[in-house]
């Protein structure tokens, strides 16, 4: 079965493809499906609401089973920021992922180790061809480091610590085992197995 992945983020697409493939699901991008998915106005107030908006837009446009996620990092010392605004944090000053990541380091520069808790959240919405939907949300708890470490992953991975390593230091397989998206996609896998037989 083909599922359209409602994202223009190539790294996110690769991660989702890797986790859905063992289910016999072929994850295709909008480009692979021969359609253009316009950027969805993420007007939701939660990760789950934004995931639904993206999945529904792809489903309405293509009629294909559609999967979308909305994810981000929530930093305790910043009252949960950037949260749902992770990809658009501090837009007046930050253009790239590196800018946004540096912004968090700057905001936490005087925060001691025991107050640098954070978690990644991933909400996934899957809309099946019959219009039914599966919604899942998972988190991965960690801490914010003091500098960029590692060259893997994407987004805030170089500062998000799991134990003594950042997400950017983990292999794809190691990250999938513990990450918010890995956990959510495994739950999706289980629910799809049940629904699709």
Protein backbone atom coordinates (compact mmCIF):
# COMPACT_ATOMS: atom_id res chain seq x y z
CA UNK A 1 0.00 0.00 0.00
CA UNK A 2 1.19 3.52 -0.81
CA UNK A 3 0.99 6.27 1.76
CA UNK A 4 1.66 9.88 0.91
CA UNK A 5 3.86 11.54 3.51
CA UNK A 6 2.68 15.10 3.97
CA UNK A 7 6.02 16.81 4.45
CA UNK A 8 8.49 18.80 2.39
CA UNK A 9 11.21 17.98 4.91
CA UNK A 10 13.44 15.43 3.14
CA UNK A 11 15.10 14.22 6.36
CA UNK A 12 11.72 13.63 8.01
CA UNK A 13 10.54 11.74 4.91
CA UNK A 14 13.58 9.44 5.03
CA UNK A 15 12.99 8.75 8.74
CA UNK A 16 9.32 7.90 8.13
CA UNK A 17 10.13 5.71 5.09
CA UNK A 18 12.64 3.75 7.13
CA UNK A 19 10.17 3.03 9.93
CA UNK A 20 7.11 2.26 7.74
CA UNK A 21 8.89 0.03 5.21
CA UNK A 22 8.84 -3.16 7.36
CA UNK A 23 5.01 -2.94 7.31
CA UNK A 24 5.02 -3.24 3.54
CA UNK A 25 4.00 0.41 3.29
CA UNK A 26 5.58 2.41 0.50
CA UNK A 27 6.01 5.95 1.77
CA UNK A 28 5.94 8.40 -1.13
CA UNK A 29 6.53 12.12 -1.21
CA UNK A 30 4.15 14.51 -2.94
CA UNK A 31 6.72 14.79 -5.73
CA UNK A 32 6.81 10.99 -6.15
CA UNK A 33 3.00 11.00 -6.27
CA UNK A 34 3.09 13.70 -8.96
CA UNK A 35 1.30 16.35 -6.91
CA UNK A 36 2.22 19.64 -5.35
CA UNK A 37 1.24 19.99 -1.71
CA UNK A 38 0.94 23.63 -0.75
CA UNK A 39 2.36 24.61 2.63
CA UNK A 40 -0.43 24.17 5.16
CA UNK A 41 -1.19 27.10 7.41
CA UNK A 42 -0.50 25.52 10.80
CA UNK A 43 -3.27 27.25 12.73
CA UNK A 44 -3.65 24.50 15.35
CA UNK A 45 -2.84 25.16 18.98
CA UNK A 46 -1.43 21.66 19.54
CA UNK A 47 0.91 19.28 17.72
CA UNK A 48 -2.07 16.93 17.12
CA UNK A 49 -4.20 19.65 15.51
CA UNK A 50 -1.39 20.65 13.15
CA UNK A 51 -0.65 17.02 12.21
CA UNK A 52 -4.32 16.57 11.27
CA UNK A 53 -4.35 19.77 9.16
CA UNK A 54 -1.35 18.52 7.16
CA UNK A 55 -2.59 14.93 6.74
CA UNK A 56 -6.07 16.07 5.77
CA UNK A 57 -4.75 18.50 3.15
CA UNK A 58 -2.73 15.67 1.53
CA UNK A 59 -5.67 13.24 1.74
CA UNK A 60 -8.12 15.75 0.21
CA UNK A 61 -5.70 16.54 -2.62
CA UNK A 62 -4.77 12.94 -3.52
CA UNK A 63 -7.35 10.53 -2.07
CA UNK A 64 -4.38 8.44 -0.96
CA UNK A 65 -3.74 7.26 2.58
CA UNK A 66 -1.85 10.17 4.12
CA UNK A 67 0.50 10.45 7.07
CA UNK A 68 1.69 13.69 8.62
CA UNK A 69 3.48 14.52 11.77
CA UNK A 70 3.92 17.69 13.72
CA UNK A 71 6.79 17.66 16.11
CA UNK A 72 8.98 19.96 18.08
CA UNK A 73 11.05 20.54 21.16
CA UNK A 74 9.65 21.80 24.45
CA UNK A 75 12.19 23.28 26.87
CA UNK A 76 11.21 23.35 30.54
CA UNK A 77 13.18 26.49 31.43
CA UNK A 78 11.49 28.32 28.52
CA UNK A 79 7.99 27.39 29.73
CA UNK A 80 7.68 24.77 26.98
CA UNK A 81 8.91 26.98 24.13
CA UNK A 82 9.44 26.69 21.23
CA UNK A 83 6.83 23.87 21.20
CA UNK A 84 4.55 23.98 18.14
CA UNK A 85 6.64 26.89 16.82
CA UNK A 86 9.88 24.83 16.73
CA UNK A 87 10.29 25.16 12.94
CA UNK A 88 9.38 28.86 13.07
CA UNK A 89 11.06 29.92 16.29
CA UNK A 90 12.18 33.54 16.49
CA UNK A 91 11.49 34.22 12.77
CA UNK A 92 12.63 37.84 12.97
CA UNK A 93 16.20 36.71 13.80
CA UNK A 94 16.42 33.01 12.89
CA UNK A 95 16.45 31.72 9.32
CA UNK A 96 18.03 28.26 9.59
CA UNK A 97 17.81 25.29 11.98
CA UNK A 98 21.27 26.29 13.22
CA UNK A 99 20.03 29.82 14.01
CA UNK A 100 17.06 28.47 15.96
CA UNK A 101 19.22 25.96 17.82
CA UNK A 102 21.75 28.66 18.72
CA UNK A 103 18.89 30.86 19.93
CA UNK A 104 17.92 28.18 22.49
CA UNK A 105 21.54 27.81 23.64
CA UNK A 106 21.72 31.60 24.07
CA UNK A 107 18.46 31.67 26.04
CA UNK A 108 19.75 28.92 28.35
CA UNK A 109 23.31 30.22 28.77
CA UNK A 110 22.92 30.87 32.52
CA UNK A 111 20.63 27.91 33.25
CA UNK A 112 22.28 25.20 35.41
CA UNK A 113 22.45 21.55 34.36
CA UNK A 114 19.64 20.39 36.66
CA UNK A 115 17.21 22.86 35.06
CA UNK A 116 17.94 22.08 31.41
CA UNK A 117 15.21 19.44 30.99
CA UNK A 118 13.36 19.22 27.68
CA UNK A 119 11.34 16.83 25.60
CA UNK A 120 10.61 16.27 21.96
CA UNK A 121 6.95 15.68 21.05
CA UNK A 122 5.68 13.97 17.91
CA UNK A 123 2.01 13.86 16.96
CA UNK A 124 1.13 11.69 13.97
CA UNK A 125 -2.12 11.70 12.06
CA UNK A 126 -2.83 8.97 9.52
CA UNK A 127 -5.93 9.21 7.34
CA UNK A 128 -6.85 5.98 5.57
CA UNK A 129 -8.56 5.76 2.16
CA UNK A 130 -11.97 5.26 3.83
CA UNK A 131 -11.51 8.56 5.70
CA UNK A 132 -10.92 6.97 9.11
CA UNK A 133 -8.00 8.33 11.07
CA UNK A 134 -5.39 7.20 13.54
CA UNK A 135 -3.89 9.80 15.88
CA UNK A 136 -0.87 9.14 18.07
CA UNK A 137 1.34 11.31 20.27
CA UNK A 138 4.65 10.35 21.87
CA UNK A 139 7.45 12.17 23.66
CA UNK A 140 11.15 11.64 24.26
CA UNK A 141 12.58 13.18 27.42
CA UNK A 142 16.13 14.51 27.59
CA UNK A 143 18.15 17.62 28.40
CA UNK A 144 19.64 20.52 26.49
CA UNK A 145 23.42 20.49 26.12
CA UNK A 146 25.75 23.47 26.09
CA UNK A 147 26.95 23.38 22.47
CA UNK A 148 26.37 21.74 19.10
CA UNK A 149 27.63 18.14 19.21
CA UNK A 150 27.43 15.57 16.39
CA UNK A 151 26.65 15.83 12.70
CA UNK A 152 23.67 13.50 12.29
CA UNK A 153 19.96 14.12 12.68
CA UNK A 154 18.34 17.48 11.98
CA UNK A 155 16.64 20.39 13.70
CA UNK A 156 17.56 20.65 17.38
CA UNK A 157 19.25 17.20 17.47
CA UNK A 158 22.80 18.58 18.03
CA UNK A 159 21.79 20.02 21.44
CA UNK A 160 19.20 17.43 22.58
CA UNK A 161 20.91 15.03 24.98
CA UNK A 162 19.91 11.45 25.68
CA UNK A 163 22.23 10.39 28.47
CA UNK A 164 25.72 11.45 27.45
CA UNK A 165 25.03 11.74 23.70
CA UNK A 166 23.06 14.14 21.56
CA UNK A 167 20.54 12.87 19.00
CA UNK A 168 23.00 14.11 16.36
CA UNK A 169 25.59 11.57 17.63
CA UNK A 170 23.25 8.57 17.37
CA UNK A 171 23.01 6.31 14.34
CA UNK A 172 19.65 6.28 12.56
CA UNK A 173 18.82 2.94 14.18
CA UNK A 174 19.79 4.13 17.67
CA UNK A 175 17.71 7.28 17.26
CA UNK A 176 14.66 5.37 15.96
CA UNK A 177 14.69 3.18 19.09
CA UNK A 178 14.31 6.09 21.51
CA UNK A 179 13.02 9.08 19.56
CA UNK A 180 9.56 10.60 19.81
CA UNK A 181 8.98 9.91 16.10
CA UNK A 182 10.30 6.35 16.30
CA UNK A 183 7.96 5.58 19.22
CA UNK A 184 4.97 7.20 17.49
CA UNK A 185 5.60 5.41 14.20
CA UNK A 186 5.91 2.05 15.96
CA UNK A 187 2.51 2.68 17.57
CA UNK A 188 1.17 3.65 14.15
CA UNK A 189 2.66 0.44 12.76
CA UNK A 190 0.82 -1.62 15.40
CA UNK A 191 -2.49 0.15 14.80
CA UNK A 192 -2.17 -0.20 11.03
CA UNK A 193 -1.44 -3.93 11.38
CA UNK A 194 -4.66 -4.25 13.35
CA UNK A 195 -6.73 -2.15 10.93
CA UNK A 196 -5.29 -3.49 7.68
CA UNK A 197 -4.91 -7.09 8.83
